[in-house]
Amino acid sequence: QLQLVESGGGLVQPGGSLRLSCAASGFTLDYSDITWFRQAPGKEREGVSCISSSGGRTYYTESVKGRFTISRDNAKNTVYLQMSSLKPEDTAVYYCAAIPDAVCGSDYYLRAYDYWGQGTQVTVSS
């Protein structure tokens, strides 16, 4: 079964940190660009960050620059999103998505991704 599974979400206080993981099973991520999306209640889904298949190119939405870091370990078939200095407005369900194409650029969030995870809830609250 081909799937992506996110983990690492939870409840954290403002200013705290979390690391999300996106693990693939049934296929290799080696040739895929990976994007993290998020969707807050009542809001549209937004692209948060993407990483190219080699890890050499990354992109971040403006609101998370300097606070979030995307990385990947192809040997573990896993992509990570390290989130620091979290704010209440970061509260959302976070999803990872994969596409076997080079899309990590300014319009990465507009592309049609082949695989999606089920999402992991991140809640930032005191």
Protein backbone atom coordinates (compact mmCIF):
# COMPACT_ATOMS: atom_id res chain seq x y z
CA GLN A 1 0.00 0.00 0.00
CA LEU A 2 1.39 3.37 -1.04
CA GLN A 3 1.01 5.92 1.70
CA LEU A 4 2.46 8.85 3.58
CA VAL A 5 2.11 8.97 7.34
CA GLU A 6 2.64 12.13 9.37
CA SER A 7 3.52 12.15 13.04
CA GLY A 8 4.84 14.49 15.69
CA GLY A 9 1.92 16.84 16.13
CA GLY A 10 0.51 17.83 19.48
CA LEU A 11 -0.23 20.64 21.91
CA VAL A 12 2.56 23.12 22.56
CA GLN A 13 2.78 26.50 24.25
CA PRO A 14 3.56 29.64 22.25
CA GLY A 15 7.28 29.87 21.69
CA GLY A 16 7.67 26.10 21.82
CA SER A 17 8.90 23.65 19.22
CA LEU A 18 7.72 20.52 17.46
CA ARG A 19 9.20 18.29 14.81
CA LEU A 20 6.84 16.72 12.32
CA SER A 21 7.77 13.61 10.37
CA CYS A 22 6.42 12.36 7.07
CA ALA A 23 7.27 8.73 6.40
CA ALA A 24 6.56 6.95 3.14
CA SER A 25 5.71 3.30 2.79
CA GLY A 26 5.27 1.27 -0.36
CA PHE A 27 7.32 3.67 -2.47
CA THR A 28 10.52 5.64 -2.35
CA LEU A 29 10.64 9.38 -1.84
CA ASP A 30 14.03 9.59 -3.55
CA TYR A 31 12.62 11.12 -6.72
CA SER A 32 9.86 13.21 -5.23
CA ASP A 33 9.61 16.80 -4.11
CA ILE A 34 7.80 16.96 -0.80
CA THR A 35 5.60 19.73 0.51
CA TRP A 36 4.09 20.43 3.88
CA PHE A 37 0.65 22.01 3.78
CA ARG A 38 -1.56 23.12 6.64
CA GLN A 39 -5.21 23.91 7.07
CA ALA A 40 -6.67 25.80 9.98
CA PRO A 41 -10.39 25.65 10.83
CA GLY A 42 -12.40 27.84 8.50
CA LYS A 43 -9.38 28.65 6.34
CA GLU A 44 -8.09 27.44 3.02
CA ARG A 45 -5.23 25.02 2.84
CA GLU A 46 -1.88 26.74 2.44
CA GLY A 47 1.55 25.59 1.39
CA VAL A 48 4.06 25.88 4.22
CA SER A 49 7.32 24.55 2.84
CA CYS A 50 8.72 22.33 0.13
CA ILE A 51 11.97 20.45 -0.43
CA SER A 52 13.40 19.07 -3.62
CA SER A 53 14.20 15.39 -4.09
CA SER A 54 17.89 15.92 -3.39
CA GLY A 55 17.25 18.30 -0.52
CA GLY A 56 19.21 20.99 -2.30
CA ARG A 57 16.31 23.36 -2.80
CA THR A 58 13.80 24.47 -0.22
CA TYR A 59 11.04 27.03 -0.12
CA TYR A 60 9.07 28.55 2.74
CA THR A 61 5.96 30.62 2.95
CA GLU A 62 6.72 34.06 4.34
CA SER A 63 4.98 33.57 7.68
CA VAL A 64 7.27 30.67 8.72
CA LYS A 65 10.62 31.86 7.38
CA GLY A 66 13.27 31.80 10.06
CA ARG A 67 11.11 29.62 12.33
CA PHE A 68 10.54 26.40 10.36
CA THR A 69 13.13 24.16 8.73
CA ILE A 70 12.34 21.40 6.26
CA SER A 71 14.76 18.52 5.77
CA ARG A 72 14.81 14.98 4.48
CA ASP A 73 16.59 11.70 5.06
CA ASN A 74 16.17 9.62 1.94
CA ALA A 75 17.83 6.64 3.63
CA LYS A 76 14.93 6.64 6.09
CA ASN A 77 12.40 7.59 3.41
CA THR A 78 11.29 10.43 5.67
CA VAL A 79 10.87 14.19 5.49
CA TYR A 80 10.85 16.44 8.53
CA LEU A 81 9.49 19.84 9.45
CA GLN A 82 11.20 21.37 12.46
CA MET A 83 8.97 24.10 13.85
CA SER A 84 10.29 26.59 16.40
CA SER A 85 9.00 29.79 17.98
CA LEU A 86 5.50 28.52 17.40
CA LYS A 87 2.62 30.97 17.43
CA PRO A 88 -1.11 30.43 17.98
CA GLU A 89 -1.65 31.20 14.30
CA ASP A 90 0.39 28.10 13.43
CA THR A 91 -2.44 25.97 14.81
CA ALA A 92 -3.67 23.72 12.01
CA VAL A 93 -3.73 20.20 10.64
CA TYR A 94 -0.44 19.66 8.86
CA TYR A 95 -0.24 17.42 5.81
CA CYS A 96 2.67 16.20 3.75
CA ALA A 97 2.35 15.55 0.04
CA ALA A 98 4.65 14.04 -2.57
CA ILE A 99 5.03 14.56 -6.29
CA PRO A 100 7.59 12.83 -8.57
CA ASP A 101 8.52 16.10 -10.23
CA ALA A 102 10.61 19.18 -9.62
CA VAL A 103 8.06 21.63 -8.28
CA CYS A 104 9.77 23.27 -5.33
CA GLY A 105 9.60 26.89 -6.30
CA SER A 106 7.36 29.88 -5.91
CA ASP A 107 4.25 28.05 -7.20
CA TYR A 108 4.82 24.70 -5.46
CA TYR A 109 1.52 24.93 -3.59
CA LEU A 110 -0.45 25.06 -6.87
CA ARG A 111 0.74 21.72 -8.19
CA ALA A 112 -1.26 18.47 -8.21
CA TYR A 113 0.40 16.13 -5.73
CA ASP A 114 0.21 12.37 -6.18
CA TYR A 115 0.29 11.26 -2.56
CA TRP A 116 -1.07 12.80 0.62
CA GLY A 117 -0.85 11.89 4.27
CA GLN A 118 -3.78 11.84 6.65
CA GLY A 119 -2.59 14.87 8.59
CA THR A 120 -1.36 15.59 12.10
CA GLN A 121 -2.87 18.20 14.41
CA VAL A 122 -0.67 20.99 15.74
CA THR A 123 -2.18 23.18 18.43
CA VAL A 124 -0.31 26.17 19.83
CA SER A 125 -1.98 27.45 22.95
CA SER A 126 -1.21 28.47 26.50
